[in-house]
PDB file of N, CA and C in Angstrom:
ATOM      1  N   UNK A   1     108.514  97.339 116.716  1.00  0.00           N
ATOM      2  CA  UNK A   1     107.641  96.526 115.900  1.00  0.00           C
ATOM      3  C   UNK A   1     106.227  97.081 116.001  1.00  0.00           C
ATOM      4  N   UNK A   2     105.619  97.248 114.882  1.00  0.00           N
ATOM      5  CA  UNK A   2     104.217  97.652 114.830  1.00  0.00           C
ATOM      6  C   UNK A   2     103.357  96.401 114.749  1.00  0.00           C
ATOM      7  N   UNK A   3     102.036  96.618 114.804  1.00  0.00           N
ATOM      8  CA  UNK A   3     101.124  95.485 114.620  1.00  0.00           C
ATOM      9  C   UNK A   3     101.425  94.798 113.300  1.00  0.00           C
ATOM     10  N   UNK A   4     101.396  93.487 113.311  1.00  0.00           N
ATOM     11  CA  UNK A   4     101.556  92.723 112.080  1.00  0.00           C
ATOM     12  C   UNK A   4     100.191  92.595 111.422  1.00  0.00           C
ATOM     13  N   UNK A   5     100.042  93.008 110.167  1.00  0.00           N
ATOM     14  CA  UNK A   5      98.723  93.017 109.537  1.00  0.00           C
ATOM     15  C   UNK A   5      98.048  91.648 109.498  1.00  0.00           C
ATOM     16  N   UNK A   6      98.822  90.584 109.422  1.00  0.00           N
ATOM     17  CA  UNK A   6      98.246  89.238 109.413  1.00  0.00           C
ATOM     18  C   UNK A   6      98.555  88.504 110.716  1.00  0.00           C
ATOM     19  N   UNK A   7      98.888  89.273 111.745  1.00  0.00           N
ATOM     20  CA  UNK A   7      99.250  88.671 113.023  1.00  0.00           C
ATOM     21  C   UNK A   7      98.052  88.159 113.796  1.00  0.00           C
ATOM     22  N   UNK A   8      98.349  87.527 114.906  1.00  0.00           N
ATOM     23  CA  UNK A   8      97.324  86.948 115.763  1.00  0.00           C
ATOM     24  C   UNK A   8      96.857  87.953 116.805  1.00  0.00           C
ATOM     25  N   UNK A   9      95.620  87.803 117.216  1.00  0.00           N
ATOM     26  CA  UNK A   9      95.077  88.601 118.309  1.00  0.00           C
ATOM     27  C   UNK A   9      95.143  87.777 119.588  1.00  0.00           C
ATOM     28  N   UNK A  10      95.592  88.398 120.663  1.00  0.00           N
ATOM     29  CA  UNK A  10      95.629  87.746 121.966  1.00  0.00           C
ATOM     30  C   UNK A  10      94.950  88.668 122.969  1.00  0.00           C
ATOM     31  N   UNK A  11      94.684  88.153 124.149  1.00  0.00           N
ATOM     32  CA  UNK A  11      94.069  88.951 125.201  1.00  0.00           C
ATOM     33  C   UNK A  11      94.895  88.823 126.467  1.00  0.00           C
ATOM     34  N   UNK A  12      95.348  89.950 126.983  1.00  0.00           N
ATOM     35  CA  UNK A  12      96.035  89.972 128.272  1.00  0.00           C
ATOM     36  C   UNK A  12      94.957  89.942 129.347  1.00  0.00           C
ATOM     37  N   UNK A  13      95.105  89.031 130.300  1.00  0.00           N
ATOM     38  CA  UNK A  13      94.168  88.924 131.417  1.00  0.00           C
ATOM     39  C   UNK A  13      94.931  89.368 132.664  1.00  0.00           C
ATOM     40  N   UNK A  14      94.613  90.560 133.123  1.00  0.00           N
ATOM     41  CA  UNK A  14      95.323  91.171 134.254  1.00  0.00           C
ATOM     42  C   UNK A  14      94.481  91.035 135.511  1.00  0.00           C
ATOM     43  N   UNK A  15      95.079  90.503 136.598  1.00  0.00           N
ATOM     44  CA  UNK A  15      94.311  90.378 137.833  1.00  0.00           C
ATOM     45  C   UNK A  15      93.874  91.743 138.352  1.00  0.00           C
ATOM     46  N   UNK A  16      92.652  91.788 138.859  1.00  0.00           N
ATOM     47  CA  UNK A  16      92.136  93.026 139.426  1.00  0.00           C
ATOM     48  C   UNK A  16      92.689  93.246 140.825  1.00  0.00           C
ATOM     49  N   UNK A  17      92.587  94.462 141.320  1.00  0.00           N
ATOM     50  CA  UNK A  17      93.085  94.735 142.666  1.00  0.00           C
ATOM     51  C   UNK A  17      92.280  93.951 143.700  1.00  0.00           C
ATOM     52  N   UNK A  18      92.957  93.402 144.696  1.00  0.00           N
ATOM     53  CA  UNK A  18      92.225  92.625 145.703  1.00  0.00           C
ATOM     54  C   UNK A  18      91.390  93.533 146.597  1.00  0.00           C
ATOM     55  N   UNK A  19      90.347  92.940 147.132  1.00  0.00           N
ATOM     56  CA  UNK A  19      89.526  93.636 148.120  1.00  0.00           C
ATOM     57  C   UNK A  19      89.415  92.710 149.319  1.00  0.00           C
ATOM     58  N   UNK A  20      88.707  93.143 150.333  1.00  0.00           N
ATOM     59  CA  UNK A  20      88.552  92.317 151.522  1.00  0.00           C
ATOM     60  C   UNK A  20      87.110  91.862 151.667  1.00  0.00           C
ATOM     61  N   UNK A  21      86.951  90.616 152.135  1.00  0.00           N
ATOM     62  CA  UNK A  21      85.605  90.147 152.436  1.00  0.00           C
ATOM     63  C   UNK A  21      85.228  90.607 153.852  1.00  0.00           C
ATOM     64  N   UNK A  22      84.066  90.213 154.319  1.00  0.00           N
ATOM     65  CA  UNK A  22      83.575  90.676 155.621  1.00  0.00           C
ATOM     66  C   UNK A  22      84.458  90.208 156.774  1.00  0.00           C
ATOM     67  N   UNK A  23      85.306  89.204 156.533  1.00  0.00           N
ATOM     68  CA  UNK A  23      86.190  88.683 157.577  1.00  0.00           C
ATOM     69  C   UNK A  23      87.602  89.266 157.487  1.00  0.00           C
ATOM     70  N   UNK A  24      87.835  90.179 156.543  1.00  0.00           N
ATOM     71  CA  UNK A  24      89.149  90.792 156.388  1.00  0.00           C
ATOM     72  C   UNK A  24      90.113  90.003 155.521  1.00  0.00           C
ATOM     73  N   UNK A  25      89.630  88.952 154.869  1.00  0.00           N
ATOM     74  CA  UNK A  25      90.474  88.147 153.983  1.00  0.00           C
ATOM     75  C   UNK A  25      90.554  88.799 152.606  1.00  0.00           C
ATOM     76  N   UNK A  26      91.734  88.713 151.975  1.00  0.00           N
ATOM     77  CA  UNK A  26      91.880  89.223 150.618  1.00  0.00           C
ATOM     78  C   UNK A  26      91.071  88.380 149.647  1.00  0.00           C
ATOM     79  N   UNK A  27      90.333  89.042 148.783  1.00  0.00           N
ATOM     80  CA  UNK A  27      89.544  88.397 147.741  1.00  0.00           C
ATOM     81  C   UNK A  27      90.018  88.973 146.414  1.00  0.00           C
ATOM     82  N   UNK A  28      90.382  88.104 145.457  1.00  0.00           N
ATOM     83  CA  UNK A  28      90.849  88.632 144.171  1.00  0.00           C
ATOM     84  C   UNK A  28      89.784  89.484 143.502  1.00  0.00           C
ATOM     85  N   UNK A  29      90.212  90.582 142.904  1.00  0.00           N
ATOM     86  CA  UNK A  29      89.293  91.431 142.161  1.00  0.00           C
ATOM     87  C   UNK A  29      89.005  90.852 140.788  1.00  0.00           C
ATOM     88  N   UNK A  30      88.009  91.397 140.139  1.00  0.00           N
ATOM     89  CA  UNK A  30      87.660  90.938 138.789  1.00  0.00           C
ATOM     90  C   UNK A  30      88.803  91.259 137.833  1.00  0.00           C
ATOM     91  N   UNK A  31      89.208  90.297 136.982  1.00  0.00           N
ATOM     92  CA  UNK A  31      90.305  90.561 136.054  1.00  0.00           C
ATOM     93  C   UNK A  31      89.891  91.533 134.949  1.00  0.00           C
ATOM     94  N   UNK A  32      90.880  92.244 134.441  1.00  0.00           N
ATOM     95  CA  UNK A  32      90.699  93.135 133.310  1.00  0.00           C
ATOM     96  C   UNK A  32      91.233  92.426 132.071  1.00  0.00           C
ATOM     97  N   UNK A  33      90.479  92.475 130.973  1.00  0.00           N
ATOM     98  CA  UNK A  33      90.925  91.854 129.725  1.00  0.00           C
ATOM     99  C   UNK A  33      91.315  92.942 128.734  1.00  0.00           C
ATOM    100  N   UNK A  34      92.549  92.825 128.214  1.00  0.00           N
ATOM    101  CA  UNK A  34      93.108  93.835 127.314  1.00  0.00           C
ATOM    102  C   UNK A  34      93.444  93.170 125.986  1.00  0.00           C
ATOM    103  N   UNK A  35      92.699  93.493 124.912  1.00  0.00           N
ATOM    104  CA  UNK A  35      93.013  92.882 123.613  1.00  0.00           C
ATOM    105  C   UNK A  35      94.293  93.478 123.018  1.00  0.00           C
ATOM    106  N   UNK A  36      95.089  92.625 122.392  1.00  0.00           N
ATOM    107  CA  UNK A  36      96.310  93.067 121.702  1.00  0.00           C
ATOM    108  C   UNK A  36      96.250  92.470 120.298  1.00  0.00           C
ATOM    109  N   UNK A  37      96.342  93.324 119.296  1.00  0.00           N
ATOM    110  CA  UNK A  37      96.213  92.906 117.901  1.00  0.00           C
ATOM    111  C   UNK A  37      97.574  92.859 117.220  1.00  0.00           C
ATOM    112  N   UNK A  38      97.690  92.011 116.208  1.00  0.00           N
ATOM    113  CA  UNK A  38      98.874  91.989 115.351  1.00  0.00           C
ATOM    114  C   UNK A  38     100.107  91.405 115.995  1.00  0.00           C
ATOM    115  N   UNK A  39      99.953  90.304 116.714  1.00  0.00           N
ATOM    116  CA  UNK A  39     101.082  89.650 117.385  1.00  0.00           C
ATOM    117  C   UNK A  39     101.591  88.477 116.554  1.00  0.00           C
ATOM    118  N   UNK A  40     102.809  88.058 116.863  1.00  0.00           N
ATOM    119  CA  UNK A  40     103.350  86.824 116.293  1.00  0.00           C
ATOM    120  C   UNK A  40     103.507  85.830 117.434  1.00  0.00           C
ATOM    121  N   UNK A  41     103.308  84.553 117.123  1.00  0.00           N
ATOM    122  CA  UNK A  41     103.447  83.482 118.105  1.00  0.00           C
ATOM    123  C   UNK A  41     104.353  82.407 117.533  1.00  0.00           C
ATOM    124  N   UNK A  42     105.194  81.837 118.390  1.00  0.00           N
ATOM    125  CA  UNK A  42     106.067  80.754 117.965  1.00  0.00           C
ATOM    126  C   UNK A  42     106.120  79.714 119.079  1.00  0.00           C
ATOM    127  N   UNK A  43     106.239  78.434 118.711  1.00  0.00           N
ATOM    128  CA  UNK A  43     106.369  77.412 119.751  1.00  0.00           C
ATOM    129  C   UNK A  43     107.676  77.606 120.515  1.00  0.00           C
ATOM    130  N   UNK A  44     107.633  77.308 121.797  1.00  0.00           N
ATOM    131  CA  UNK A  44     108.813  77.402 122.655  1.00  0.00           C
ATOM    132  C   UNK A  44     109.126  75.991 123.119  1.00  0.00           C
ATOM    133  N   UNK A  45     110.343  75.535 122.832  1.00  0.00           N
ATOM    134  CA  UNK A  45     110.674  74.155 123.184  1.00  0.00           C
ATOM    135  C   UNK A  45     111.400  74.084 124.516  1.00  0.00           C
ATOM    136  N   UNK A  46     111.557  72.891 124.999  1.00  0.00           N
ATOM    137  CA  UNK A  46     112.162  72.669 126.301  1.00  0.00           C
ATOM    138  C   UNK A  46     113.660  72.473 126.255  1.00  0.00           C
ATOM    139  N   UNK A  47     114.340  73.044 125.261  1.00  0.00           N
ATOM    140  CA  UNK A  47     115.786  72.845 125.157  1.00  0.00           C
ATOM    141  C   UNK A  47     116.584  74.023 125.663  1.00  0.00           C
ATOM    142  N   UNK A  48     115.945  75.050 126.185  1.00  0.00           N
ATOM    143  CA  UNK A  48     116.662  76.223 126.675  1.00  0.00           C
ATOM    144  C   UNK A  48     117.235  76.014 128.060  1.00  0.00           C
ATOM    145  N   UNK A  49     117.666  77.105 128.673  1.00  0.00           N
ATOM    146  CA  UNK A  49     118.238  77.053 130.013  1.00  0.00           C
ATOM    147  C   UNK A  49     117.232  76.428 130.977  1.00  0.00           C
ATOM    148  N   UNK A  50     117.708  75.530 131.812  1.00  0.00           N
ATOM    149  CA  UNK A  50     116.842  74.896 132.790  1.00  0.00           C
ATOM    150  C   UNK A  50     116.052  73.720 132.254  1.00  0.00           C
ATOM    151  N   UNK A  51     116.236  73.385 130.994  1.00  0.00           N
ATOM    152  CA  UNK A  51     115.492  72.262 130.423  1.00  0.00           C
ATOM    153  C   UNK A  51     116.028  70.952 130.975  1.00  0.00           C
ATOM    154  N   UNK A  52     115.190  69.976 130.961  1.00  0.00           N
ATOM    155  CA  UNK A  52     115.557  68.659 131.447  1.00  0.00           C
ATOM    156  C   UNK A  52     116.639  68.066 130.550  1.00  0.00           C
ATOM    157  N   UNK A  53     117.757  67.662 131.154  1.00  0.00           N
ATOM    158  CA  UNK A  53     118.874  67.140 130.367  1.00  0.00           C
ATOM    159  C   UNK A  53     118.547  65.820 129.684  1.00  0.00           C
ATOM    160  N   UNK A  54     117.506  65.135 130.128  1.00  0.00           N
ATOM    161  CA  UNK A  54     117.140  63.875 129.509  1.00  0.00           C
ATOM    162  C   UNK A  54     116.580  64.062 128.104  1.00  0.00           C
ATOM    163  N   UNK A  55     116.291  65.295 127.731  1.00  0.00           N
ATOM    164  CA  UNK A  55     115.698  65.548 126.417  1.00  0.00           C
ATOM    165  C   UNK A  55     116.736  65.575 125.304  1.00  0.00           C
ATOM    166  N   UNK A  56     118.020  65.479 125.620  1.00  0.00           N
ATOM    167  CA  UNK A  56     119.053  65.650 124.612  1.00  0.00           C
ATOM    168  C   UNK A  56     118.927  64.682 123.441  1.00  0.00           C
ATOM    169  N   UNK A  57     118.567  63.463 123.697  1.00  0.00           N
ATOM    170  CA  UNK A  57     118.502  62.479 122.615  1.00  0.00           C
ATOM    171  C   UNK A  57     117.070  62.208 122.171  1.00  0.00           C
ATOM    172  N   UNK A  58     116.154  63.065 122.566  1.00  0.00           N
ATOM    173  CA  UNK A  58     114.745  62.845 122.237  1.00  0.00           C
ATOM    174  C   UNK A  58     114.236  63.927 121.307  1.00  0.00           C
ATOM    175  N   UNK A  59     113.012  63.759 120.867  1.00  0.00           N
ATOM    176  CA  UNK A  59     112.378  64.781 120.061  1.00  0.00           C
ATOM    177  C   UNK A  59     112.156  66.032 120.893  1.00  0.00           C
ATOM    178  N   UNK A  60     112.028  67.145 120.237  1.00  0.00           N
ATOM    179  CA  UNK A  60     111.769  68.403 120.913  1.00  0.00           C
ATOM    180  C   UNK A  60     110.425  68.353 121.620  1.00  0.00           C
ATOM    181  N   UNK A  61     110.381  68.888 122.825  1.00  0.00           N
ATOM    182  CA  UNK A  61     109.152  68.941 123.603  1.00  0.00           C
ATOM    183  C   UNK A  61     108.723  70.402 123.693  1.00  0.00           C
ATOM    184  N   UNK A  62     107.524  70.698 123.230  1.00  0.00           N
ATOM    185  CA  UNK A  62     107.013  72.065 123.274  1.00  0.00           C
ATOM    186  C   UNK A  62     106.504  72.336 124.687  1.00  0.00           C
ATOM    187  N   UNK A  63     107.011  73.403 125.305  1.00  0.00           N
ATOM    188  CA  UNK A  63     106.624  73.725 126.679  1.00  0.00           C
ATOM    189  C   UNK A  63     105.786  74.997 126.763  1.00  0.00           C
ATOM    190  N   UNK A  64     105.544  75.628 125.647  1.00  0.00           N
ATOM    191  CA  UNK A  64     104.745  76.845 125.658  1.00  0.00           C
ATOM    192  C   UNK A  64     104.898  77.594 124.351  1.00  0.00           C
ATOM    193  N   UNK A  65     104.686  78.896 124.425  1.00  0.00           N
ATOM    194  CA  UNK A  65     104.775  79.759 123.253  1.00  0.00           C
ATOM    195  C   UNK A  65     105.673  80.953 123.555  1.00  0.00           C
ATOM    196  N   UNK A  66     106.216  81.532 122.506  1.00  0.00           N
ATOM    197  CA  UNK A  66     106.851  82.834 122.614  1.00  0.00           C
ATOM    198  C   UNK A  66     105.935  83.817 121.910  1.00  0.00           C
ATOM    199  N   UNK A  67     105.550  84.861 122.626  1.00  0.00           N
ATOM    200  CA  UNK A  67     104.681  85.905 122.093  1.00  0.00           C
ATOM    201  C   UNK A  67     105.535  87.097 121.705  1.00  0.00           C
ATOM    202  N   UNK A  68     105.339  87.598 120.490  1.00  0.00           N
ATOM    203  CA  UNK A  68     105.989  88.816 120.022  1.00  0.00           C
ATOM    204  C   UNK A  68     104.875  89.841 119.831  1.00  0.00           C
ATOM    205  N   UNK A  69     104.780  90.769 120.776  1.00  0.00           N
ATOM    206  CA  UNK A  69     103.714  91.774 120.758  1.00  0.00           C
ATOM    207  C   UNK A  69     104.281  93.102 120.282  1.00  0.00           C
ATOM    208  N   UNK A  70     103.430  93.987 119.750  1.00  0.00           N
ATOM    209  CA  UNK A  70     103.913  95.289 119.303  1.00  0.00           C
ATOM    210  C   UNK A  70     104.635  96.038 120.428  1.00  0.00           C
ATOM    211  N   UNK A  71     105.677  96.767 120.047  1.00  0.00           N
ATOM    212  CA  UNK A  71     106.460  97.548 121.008  1.00  0.00           C
ATOM    213  C   UNK A  71     105.522  98.472 121.795  1.00  0.00           C
ATOM    214  N   UNK A  72     105.747  98.537 123.096  1.00  0.00           N
ATOM    215  CA  UNK A  72     104.923  99.380 123.956  1.00  0.00           C
ATOM    216  C   UNK A  72     103.766  98.648 124.605  1.00  0.00           C
ATOM    217  N   UNK A  73     103.548  97.379 124.232  1.00  0.00           N
ATOM    218  CA  UNK A  73     102.479  96.603 124.862  1.00  0.00           C
ATOM    219  C   UNK A  73     102.791  96.463 126.346  1.00  0.00           C
ATOM    220  N   UNK A  74     101.833  96.817 127.190  1.00  0.00           N
ATOM    221  CA  UNK A  74     102.003  96.729 128.634  1.00  0.00           C
ATOM    222  C   UNK A  74     101.617  95.329 129.085  1.00  0.00           C
ATOM    223  N   UNK A  75     102.609  94.487 129.298  1.00  0.00           N
ATOM    224  CA  UNK A  75     102.370  93.134 129.791  1.00  0.00           C
ATOM    225  C   UNK A  75     103.295  92.900 130.965  1.00  0.00           C
ATOM    226  N   UNK A  76     102.770  92.261 131.980  1.00  0.00           N
ATOM    227  CA  UNK A  76     103.489  92.102 133.247  1.00  0.00           C
ATOM    228  C   UNK A  76     103.662  90.631 133.590  1.00  0.00           C
ATOM    229  N   UNK A  77     104.629  90.353 134.436  1.00  0.00           N
ATOM    230  CA  UNK A  77     104.910  88.972 134.846  1.00  0.00           C
ATOM    231  C   UNK A  77     103.726  88.348 135.575  1.00  0.00           C
ATOM    232  N   UNK A  78     102.851  89.161 136.137  1.00  0.00           N
ATOM    233  CA  UNK A  78     101.692  88.651 136.873  1.00  0.00           C
ATOM    234  C   UNK A  78     100.465  88.443 135.990  1.00  0.00           C
ATOM    235  N   UNK A  79     100.558  88.787 134.709  1.00  0.00           N
ATOM    236  CA  UNK A  79      99.441  88.638 133.781  1.00  0.00           C
ATOM    237  C   UNK A  79      99.330  87.203 133.273  1.00  0.00           C
ATOM    238  N   UNK A  80      98.189  86.914 132.689  1.00  0.00           N
ATOM    239  CA  UNK A  80      97.983  85.716 131.889  1.00  0.00           C
ATOM    240  C   UNK A  80      97.627  86.194 130.491  1.00  0.00           C
ATOM    241  N   UNK A  81      97.793  85.318 129.505  1.00  0.00           N
ATOM    242  CA  UNK A  81      97.495  85.672 128.117  1.00  0.00           C
ATOM    243  C   UNK A  81      96.622  84.580 127.516  1.00  0.00           C
ATOM    244  N   UNK A  82      95.489  84.995 126.936  1.00  0.00           N
ATOM    245  CA  UNK A  82      94.603  84.046 126.254  1.00  0.00           C
ATOM    246  C   UNK A  82      94.970  84.040 124.778  1.00  0.00           C
ATOM    247  N   UNK A  83      95.300  82.830 124.292  1.00  0.00           N
ATOM    248  CA  UNK A  83      95.671  82.627 122.891  1.00  0.00           C
ATOM    249  C   UNK A  83      94.771  81.530 122.352  1.00  0.00           C
ATOM    250  N   UNK A  84      93.964  81.849 121.373  1.00  0.00           N
ATOM    251  CA  UNK A  84      93.069  80.871 120.733  1.00  0.00           C
ATOM    252  C   UNK A  84      92.283  80.074 121.766  1.00  0.00           C
ATOM    253  N   UNK A  85      91.756  80.756 122.773  1.00  0.00           N
ATOM    254  CA  UNK A  85      90.915  80.123 123.777  1.00  0.00           C
ATOM    255  C   UNK A  85      91.664  79.446 124.915  1.00  0.00           C
ATOM    256  N   UNK A  86      92.983  79.307 124.807  1.00  0.00           N
ATOM    257  CA  UNK A  86      93.802  78.679 125.860  1.00  0.00           C
ATOM    258  C   UNK A  86      94.434  79.767 126.720  1.00  0.00           C
ATOM    259  N   UNK A  87      94.510  79.529 128.023  1.00  0.00           N
ATOM    260  CA  UNK A  87      95.060  80.507 128.952  1.00  0.00           C
ATOM    261  C   UNK A  87      96.492  80.129 129.302  1.00  0.00           C
ATOM    262  N   UNK A  88      97.423  81.077 129.117  1.00  0.00           N
ATOM    263  CA  UNK A  88      98.841  80.878 129.374  1.00  0.00           C
ATOM    264  C   UNK A  88      99.306  81.802 130.488  1.00  0.00           C
ATOM    265  N   UNK A  89     100.266  81.338 131.300  1.00  0.00           N
ATOM    266  CA  UNK A  89     100.929  82.159 132.302  1.00  0.00           C
ATOM    267  C   UNK A  89     102.118  82.842 131.639  1.00  0.00           C
ATOM    268  N   UNK A  90     102.421  84.063 132.054  1.00  0.00           N
ATOM    269  CA  UNK A  90     103.650  84.719 131.630  1.00  0.00           C
ATOM    270  C   UNK A  90     104.776  84.067 132.430  1.00  0.00           C
ATOM    271  N   UNK A  91     105.800  83.589 131.737  1.00  0.00           N
ATOM    272  CA  UNK A  91     106.914  82.882 132.362  1.00  0.00           C
ATOM    273  C   UNK A  91     108.132  83.813 132.379  1.00  0.00           C
ATOM    274  N   UNK A  92     108.351  84.488 133.504  1.00  0.00           N
ATOM    275  CA  UNK A  92     109.467  85.427 133.613  1.00  0.00           C
ATOM    276  C   UNK A  92     109.047  86.839 133.260  1.00  0.00           C
ATOM    277  N   UNK A  93     110.031  87.702 133.057  1.00  0.00           N
ATOM    278  CA  UNK A  93     109.772  89.103 132.743  1.00  0.00           C
ATOM    279  C   UNK A  93     109.717  89.312 131.225  1.00  0.00           C
ATOM    280  N   UNK A  94     108.720  90.041 130.728  1.00  0.00           N
ATOM    281  CA  UNK A  94     108.706  90.403 129.307  1.00  0.00           C
ATOM    282  C   UNK A  94     109.896  91.312 128.986  1.00  0.00           C
ATOM    283  N   UNK A  95     110.362  91.251 127.766  1.00  0.00           N
ATOM    284  CA  UNK A  95     111.491  92.086 127.355  1.00  0.00           C
ATOM    285  C   UNK A  95     111.160  92.870 126.100  1.00  0.00           C
ATOM    286  N   UNK A  96     111.793  94.030 125.965  1.00  0.00           N
ATOM    287  CA  UNK A  96     111.609  94.875 124.775  1.00  0.00           C
ATOM    288  C   UNK A  96     112.930  95.574 124.476  1.00  0.00           C
ATOM    289  N   UNK A  97     113.109  96.013 123.238  1.00  0.00           N
ATOM    290  CA  UNK A  97     114.344  96.666 122.837  1.00  0.00           C
ATOM    291  C   UNK A  97     114.055  97.892 121.980  1.00  0.00           C
ATOM    292  N   UNK A  98     114.751  98.981 122.305  1.00  0.00           N
ATOM    293  CA  UNK A  98     114.740 100.186 121.478  1.00  0.00           C
ATOM    294  C   UNK A  98     116.182 100.581 121.264  1.00  0.00           C
ATOM    295  N   UNK A  99     116.587 100.736 120.018  1.00  0.00           N
ATOM    296  CA  UNK A  99     117.962 101.075 119.701  1.00  0.00           C
ATOM    297  C   UNK A  99     118.288 102.493 120.170  1.00  0.00           C
ATOM    298  N   UNK A 100     119.377 102.672 120.906  1.00  0.00           N
ATOM    299  CA  UNK A 100     119.773 104.017 121.317  1.00  0.00           C
ATOM    300  C   UNK A 100     120.376 104.819 120.163  1.00  0.00           C
ATOM    301  N   UNK A 101     120.667 104.162 119.056  1.00  0.00           N
ATOM    302  CA  UNK A 101     121.274 104.833 117.915  1.00  0.00           C
ATOM    303  C   UNK A 101     120.251 105.307 116.894  1.00  0.00           C
ATOM    304  N   UNK A 102     119.237 104.472 116.621  1.00  0.00           N
ATOM    305  CA  UNK A 102     118.275 104.801 115.571  1.00  0.00           C
ATOM    306  C   UNK A 102     116.860 104.992 116.103  1.00  0.00           C
ATOM    307  N   UNK A 103     116.639 104.679 117.360  1.00  0.00           N
ATOM    308  CA  UNK A 103     115.306 104.705 117.983  1.00  0.00           C
ATOM    309  C   UNK A 103     114.353 103.672 117.396  1.00  0.00           C
ATOM    310  N   UNK A 104     114.875 102.759 116.556  1.00  0.00           N
ATOM    311  CA  UNK A 104     114.004 101.704 116.041  1.00  0.00           C
ATOM    312  C   UNK A 104     113.679 100.747 117.184  1.00  0.00           C
ATOM    313  N   UNK A 105     112.530 100.122 117.080  1.00  0.00           N
ATOM    314  CA  UNK A 105     112.058  99.268 118.157  1.00  0.00           C
ATOM    315  C   UNK A 105     111.815  97.849 117.672  1.00  0.00           C
ATOM    316  N   UNK A 106     111.941  96.924 118.581  1.00  0.00           N
ATOM    317  CA  UNK A 106     111.616  95.536 118.320  1.00  0.00           C
ATOM    318  C   UNK A 106     110.351  95.196 119.079  1.00  0.00           C
ATOM    319  N   UNK A 107     109.935  93.956 119.018  1.00  0.00           N
ATOM    320  CA  UNK A 107     108.708  93.563 119.713  1.00  0.00           C
ATOM    321  C   UNK A 107     108.937  93.418 121.214  1.00  0.00           C
ATOM    322  N   UNK A 108     107.840  93.351 121.935  1.00  0.00           N
ATOM    323  CA  UNK A 108     107.871  92.917 123.328  1.00  0.00           C
ATOM    324  C   UNK A 108     107.839  91.395 123.266  1.00  0.00           C
ATOM    325  N   UNK A 109     108.844  90.750 123.843  1.00  0.00           N
ATOM    326  CA  UNK A 109     108.976  89.298 123.765  1.00  0.00           C
ATOM    327  C   UNK A 109     108.587  88.709 125.115  1.00  0.00           C
ATOM    328  N   UNK A 110     107.669  87.733 125.070  1.00  0.00           N
ATOM    329  CA  UNK A 110     107.126  87.151 126.296  1.00  0.00           C
ATOM    330  C   UNK A 110     107.109  85.634 126.173  1.00  0.00           C
ATOM    331  N   UNK A 111     107.683  84.956 127.161  1.00  0.00           N
ATOM    332  CA  UNK A 111     107.594  83.495 127.229  1.00  0.00           C
ATOM    333  C   UNK A 111     106.275  83.139 127.903  1.00  0.00           C
ATOM    334  N   UNK A 112     105.531  82.224 127.299  1.00  0.00           N
ATOM    335  CA  UNK A 112     104.239  81.811 127.831  1.00  0.00           C
ATOM    336  C   UNK A 112     104.248  80.322 128.115  1.00  0.00           C
ATOM    337  N   UNK A 113     103.581  79.946 129.199  1.00  0.00           N
ATOM    338  CA  UNK A 113     103.455  78.536 129.579  1.00  0.00           C
ATOM    339  C   UNK A 113     101.978  78.229 129.769  1.00  0.00           C
ATOM    340  N   UNK A 114     101.529  77.117 129.196  1.00  0.00           N
ATOM    341  CA  UNK A 114     100.110  76.763 129.261  1.00  0.00           C
ATOM    342  C   UNK A 114      99.682  76.487 130.705  1.00  0.00           C
ATOM    343  N   UNK A 115      98.546  77.041 131.087  1.00  0.00           N
ATOM    344  CA  UNK A 115      97.996  76.817 132.421  1.00  0.00           C
ATOM    345  C   UNK A 115      97.334  75.444 132.441  1.00  0.00           C
ATOM    346  N   UNK A 116      97.744  74.607 133.374  1.00  0.00           N
ATOM    347  CA  UNK A 116      97.139  73.283 133.500  1.00  0.00           C
ATOM    348  C   UNK A 116      96.650  73.081 134.924  1.00  0.00           C
ATOM    349  N   UNK A 117      95.540  72.317 135.038  1.00  0.00           N
ATOM    350  CA  UNK A 117      94.995  71.976 136.342  1.00  0.00           C
ATOM    351  C   UNK A 117      94.649  73.172 137.098  1.00  0.00           C
TER     352      UNK A 117
END
């Protein structure tokens, strides 16, 4: 998948390498922000694997977003993603597909969960 011409722009927020303070404690490094253009976003509901079984007879509950980023986007399980000013955690491992027959590629698919508290 290439950039979508009318797609959304998101920002990957990658934690910086830790350093040590004067007492030898790890201190998080400054995060790096990586813009990604031409993405698609879709609501992710709570009806998938691991969802609360009490939701069966209720309305769908949105638990986050699914991000479809251009193939080759470097996104990691430890990253966060800023979407329209809101910060989301990457939920699980991002996935991507390249056909071994045609070399065609699909998007990098990432489950996102809104950061709260």
